[in-house]
Structure formats: structure tokens, C-alpha cells
């Protein structure tokens, strides 16, 4: 088996394992976080209705700084958009990533802005 294929399969397996535990509902939608090499995006999803309620990303923004700082800005922005969408409580879907570094910075910035998980 190719090493790259094995790495992708492991990421997919970890993401599925998290998604079996974490699910969004109308009362508590899911805050899904995606991190690439350059950008960070987060969206709040109501899985029962299949709709995205709020979205924030670094794509198209002229931001400088580390990825942790960018994650904190996205966390603050997604919490503000969640308030406009009348969402106070969410469930964090970290995907295949561990709760550390960029994921943790995004979550803590969202908590400071008033989003509960």
C-alpha cells in the first residue's frame, strides 16, 4: 500500500470516528472545522435540516500572522455570525485533527465571544 494512500485512509477513519459521536441537531448544530496548509474555515451545520447556518473562512482575506492567530480570528467571526443566526450552543466537530493548536485557538476564541460547547 502506498504511504500517501495509507495516510489519507487514516485521516478518513479518524474523521468518521469523530462523526459517529458528534452530530448536529436543531437545538445544538455542529461546528465543523477544516484546516488546510494555508486557510482555515469553519461552518455551523444543522444536520437534521441539512443546512449551513453560518460560515467563516480566511479565504479571500488579507491576513498576516501565524495559523493560530488566523484560527482565533475565524473563531471570533464564526461566533459573531452564529449570534446573528440565533445559535448559542454548538457541538465541535474537529474532524481528523486533535484538539490542539489551531483547533484549540479557534474554539477558545469562539467561547470568548459567547458560543457554548
C-alpha atoms as a PDB file:
ATOM      1  CA  UNK A   1       0.000   0.000   0.000  1.00  0.00           C
ATOM      2  CA  UNK A   2       1.226   3.459  -0.878  1.00  0.00           C
ATOM      3  CA  UNK A   3       2.168   5.641   2.106  1.00  0.00           C
ATOM      4  CA  UNK A   4       0.071   8.584   0.864  1.00  0.00           C
ATOM      5  CA  UNK A   5      -2.958   6.338   0.422  1.00  0.00           C
ATOM      6  CA  UNK A   6      -2.476   4.948   3.914  1.00  0.00           C
ATOM      7  CA  UNK A   7      -2.278   8.492   5.393  1.00  0.00           C
ATOM      8  CA  UNK A   8      -5.491   9.531   3.653  1.00  0.00           C
ATOM      9  CA  UNK A   9      -7.267   6.404   4.843  1.00  0.00           C
ATOM     10  CA  UNK A  10      -6.178   7.078   8.413  1.00  0.00           C
ATOM     11  CA  UNK A  11      -7.478  10.682   8.240  1.00  0.00           C
ATOM     12  CA  UNK A  12     -10.802   9.474   6.840  1.00  0.00           C
ATOM     13  CA  UNK A  13     -11.048   6.792   9.528  1.00  0.00           C
ATOM     14  CA  UNK A  14     -10.400   9.319  12.329  1.00  0.00           C
ATOM     15  CA  UNK A  15     -12.930  11.781  10.879  1.00  0.00           C
ATOM     16  CA  UNK A  16     -15.600   9.059  10.678  1.00  0.00           C
ATOM     17  CA  UNK A  17     -14.877   8.008  14.259  1.00  0.00           C
ATOM     18  CA  UNK A  18     -15.465  11.588  15.450  1.00  0.00           C
ATOM     19  CA  UNK A  19     -18.623  11.952  13.339  1.00  0.00           C
ATOM     20  CA  UNK A  20     -20.203   8.834  14.847  1.00  0.00           C
ATOM     21  CA  UNK A  21     -20.084  10.571  18.225  1.00  0.00           C
ATOM     22  CA  UNK A  22     -20.734  14.180  17.135  1.00  0.00           C
ATOM     23  CA  UNK A  23     -23.952  15.084  15.365  1.00  0.00           C
ATOM     24  CA  UNK A  24     -25.705  18.390  14.900  1.00  0.00           C
ATOM     25  CA  UNK A  25     -29.361  18.980  15.657  1.00  0.00           C
ATOM     26  CA  UNK A  26     -31.670  21.970  15.534  1.00  0.00           C
ATOM     27  CA  UNK A  27     -31.069  22.711  19.220  1.00  0.00           C
ATOM     28  CA  UNK A  28     -27.288  22.159  19.007  1.00  0.00           C
ATOM     29  CA  UNK A  29     -25.868  22.432  15.495  1.00  0.00           C
ATOM     30  CA  UNK A  30     -22.417  21.142  14.589  1.00  0.00           C
ATOM     31  CA  UNK A  31     -19.411  23.496  14.332  1.00  0.00           C
ATOM     32  CA  UNK A  32     -17.284  21.847  11.654  1.00  0.00           C
ATOM     33  CA  UNK A  33     -13.659  22.994  11.301  1.00  0.00           C
ATOM     34  CA  UNK A  34     -11.438  22.417   8.268  1.00  0.00           C
ATOM     35  CA  UNK A  35      -7.758  23.329   8.177  1.00  0.00           C
ATOM     36  CA  UNK A  36      -5.602  23.267   5.064  1.00  0.00           C
ATOM     37  CA  UNK A  37      -1.971  24.274   4.705  1.00  0.00           C
ATOM     38  CA  UNK A  38      -2.903  27.902   4.031  1.00  0.00           C
ATOM     39  CA  UNK A  39      -6.510  28.508   5.110  1.00  0.00           C
ATOM     40  CA  UNK A  40      -8.922  27.771   7.939  1.00  0.00           C
ATOM     41  CA  UNK A  41     -12.677  27.522   7.572  1.00  0.00           C
ATOM     42  CA  UNK A  42     -15.498  26.826   9.986  1.00  0.00           C
ATOM     43  CA  UNK A  43     -19.196  26.339   9.441  1.00  0.00           C
ATOM     44  CA  UNK A  44     -22.189  25.740  11.655  1.00  0.00           C
ATOM     45  CA  UNK A  45     -24.373  22.971  10.242  1.00  0.00           C
ATOM     46  CA  UNK A  46     -27.853  21.799  11.197  1.00  0.00           C
ATOM     47  CA  UNK A  47     -27.628  18.121  10.237  1.00  0.00           C
ATOM     48  CA  UNK A  48     -31.332  17.409  10.743  1.00  0.00           C
ATOM     49  CA  UNK A  49     -32.263  20.033   8.122  1.00  0.00           C
ATOM     50  CA  UNK A  50     -29.071  19.653   6.083  1.00  0.00           C
ATOM     51  CA  UNK A  51     -28.362  23.391   6.061  1.00  0.00           C
ATOM     52  CA  UNK A  52     -25.361  25.575   6.805  1.00  0.00           C
ATOM     53  CA  UNK A  53     -26.359  28.308   9.259  1.00  0.00           C
ATOM     54  CA  UNK A  54     -23.086  30.292   9.381  1.00  0.00           C
ATOM     55  CA  UNK A  55     -19.715  30.197   7.635  1.00  0.00           C
ATOM     56  CA  UNK A  56     -16.363  31.900   8.226  1.00  0.00           C
ATOM     57  CA  UNK A  57     -13.033  31.449   6.492  1.00  0.00           C
ATOM     58  CA  UNK A  58      -9.661  33.049   5.803  1.00  0.00           C
ATOM     59  CA  UNK A  59     -10.095  32.543   2.056  1.00  0.00           C
ATOM     60  CA  UNK A  60     -10.100  35.883   0.275  1.00  0.00           C
ATOM     61  CA  UNK A  61      -8.920  37.858   3.297  1.00  0.00           C
ATOM     62  CA  UNK A  62      -5.611  39.678   3.505  1.00  0.00           C
ATOM     63  CA  UNK A  63      -4.412  38.490   6.882  1.00  0.00           C
ATOM     64  CA  UNK A  64      -0.901  38.138   8.132  1.00  0.00           C
ATOM     65  CA  UNK A  65       0.293  36.216  11.141  1.00  0.00           C
ATOM     66  CA  UNK A  66       0.531  32.630  12.207  1.00  0.00           C
ATOM     67  CA  UNK A  67      -2.071  29.981  11.557  1.00  0.00           C
ATOM     68  CA  UNK A  68      -3.012  30.015  15.251  1.00  0.00           C
ATOM     69  CA  UNK A  69      -3.768  33.752  15.027  1.00  0.00           C
ATOM     70  CA  UNK A  70      -5.817  33.190  11.865  1.00  0.00           C
ATOM     71  CA  UNK A  71      -7.735  30.411  13.626  1.00  0.00           C
ATOM     72  CA  UNK A  72      -8.558  32.738  16.507  1.00  0.00           C
ATOM     73  CA  UNK A  73      -9.899  35.350  14.072  1.00  0.00           C
ATOM     74  CA  UNK A  74     -12.063  32.741  12.340  1.00  0.00           C
ATOM     75  CA  UNK A  75     -13.349  31.569  15.743  1.00  0.00           C
ATOM     76  CA  UNK A  76     -14.329  35.105  16.676  1.00  0.00           C
ATOM     77  CA  UNK A  77     -16.009  35.672  13.304  1.00  0.00           C
ATOM     78  CA  UNK A  78     -17.981  32.403  13.373  1.00  0.00           C
ATOM     79  CA  UNK A  79     -19.252  33.166  16.884  1.00  0.00           C
ATOM     80  CA  UNK A  80     -20.480  36.588  15.771  1.00  0.00           C
ATOM     81  CA  UNK A  81     -22.231  35.087  12.738  1.00  0.00           C
ATOM     82  CA  UNK A  82     -23.758  32.400  14.970  1.00  0.00           C
ATOM     83  CA  UNK A  83     -25.285  35.095  17.187  1.00  0.00           C
ATOM     84  CA  UNK A  84     -26.875  36.676  14.105  1.00  0.00           C
ATOM     85  CA  UNK A  85     -28.284  33.261  13.179  1.00  0.00           C
ATOM     86  CA  UNK A  86     -29.599  32.933  16.776  1.00  0.00           C
ATOM     87  CA  UNK A  87     -27.349  29.995  17.642  1.00  0.00           C
ATOM     88  CA  UNK A  88     -25.901  29.927  21.154  1.00  0.00           C
ATOM     89  CA  UNK A  89     -24.894  26.289  21.676  1.00  0.00           C
ATOM     90  CA  UNK A  90     -22.966  24.070  19.258  1.00  0.00           C
ATOM     91  CA  UNK A  91     -21.107  20.762  19.152  1.00  0.00           C
ATOM     92  CA  UNK A  92     -17.485  20.939  17.979  1.00  0.00           C
ATOM     93  CA  UNK A  93     -16.577  18.663  15.057  1.00  0.00           C
ATOM     94  CA  UNK A  94     -12.789  18.710  14.903  1.00  0.00           C
ATOM     95  CA  UNK A  95     -12.635  16.166  12.081  1.00  0.00           C
ATOM     96  CA  UNK A  96      -9.426  14.112  11.943  1.00  0.00           C
ATOM     97  CA  UNK A  97      -7.430  16.735  13.889  1.00  0.00           C
ATOM     98  CA  UNK A  98      -6.683  16.592  17.593  1.00  0.00           C
ATOM     99  CA  UNK A  99      -7.917  19.326  19.941  1.00  0.00           C
ATOM    100  CA  UNK A 100      -4.626  21.209  19.998  1.00  0.00           C
ATOM    101  CA  UNK A 101      -3.046  24.288  18.437  1.00  0.00           C
ATOM    102  CA  UNK A 102      -5.219  25.767  15.703  1.00  0.00           C
ATOM    103  CA  UNK A 103      -8.384  23.857  16.626  1.00  0.00           C
ATOM    104  CA  UNK A 104      -7.995  24.867  20.259  1.00  0.00           C
ATOM    105  CA  UNK A 105      -7.356  28.536  19.344  1.00  0.00           C
ATOM    106  CA  UNK A 106     -10.497  28.629  17.174  1.00  0.00           C
ATOM    107  CA  UNK A 107     -12.622  27.001  19.890  1.00  0.00           C
ATOM    108  CA  UNK A 108     -11.377  29.269  22.674  1.00  0.00           C
ATOM    109  CA  UNK A 109     -11.924  32.420  20.577  1.00  0.00           C
ATOM    110  CA  UNK A 110     -15.480  31.270  19.851  1.00  0.00           C
ATOM    111  CA  UNK A 111     -16.068  30.647  23.557  1.00  0.00           C
ATOM    112  CA  UNK A 112     -14.812  34.121  24.454  1.00  0.00           C
ATOM    113  CA  UNK A 113     -17.364  35.586  22.019  1.00  0.00           C
ATOM    114  CA  UNK A 114     -20.172  33.708  23.789  1.00  0.00           C
ATOM    115  CA  UNK A 115     -20.585  30.469  21.853  1.00  0.00           C
ATOM    116  CA  UNK A 116     -21.161  27.475  24.164  1.00  0.00           C
ATOM    117  CA  UNK A 117     -19.951  23.922  23.585  1.00  0.00           C
END
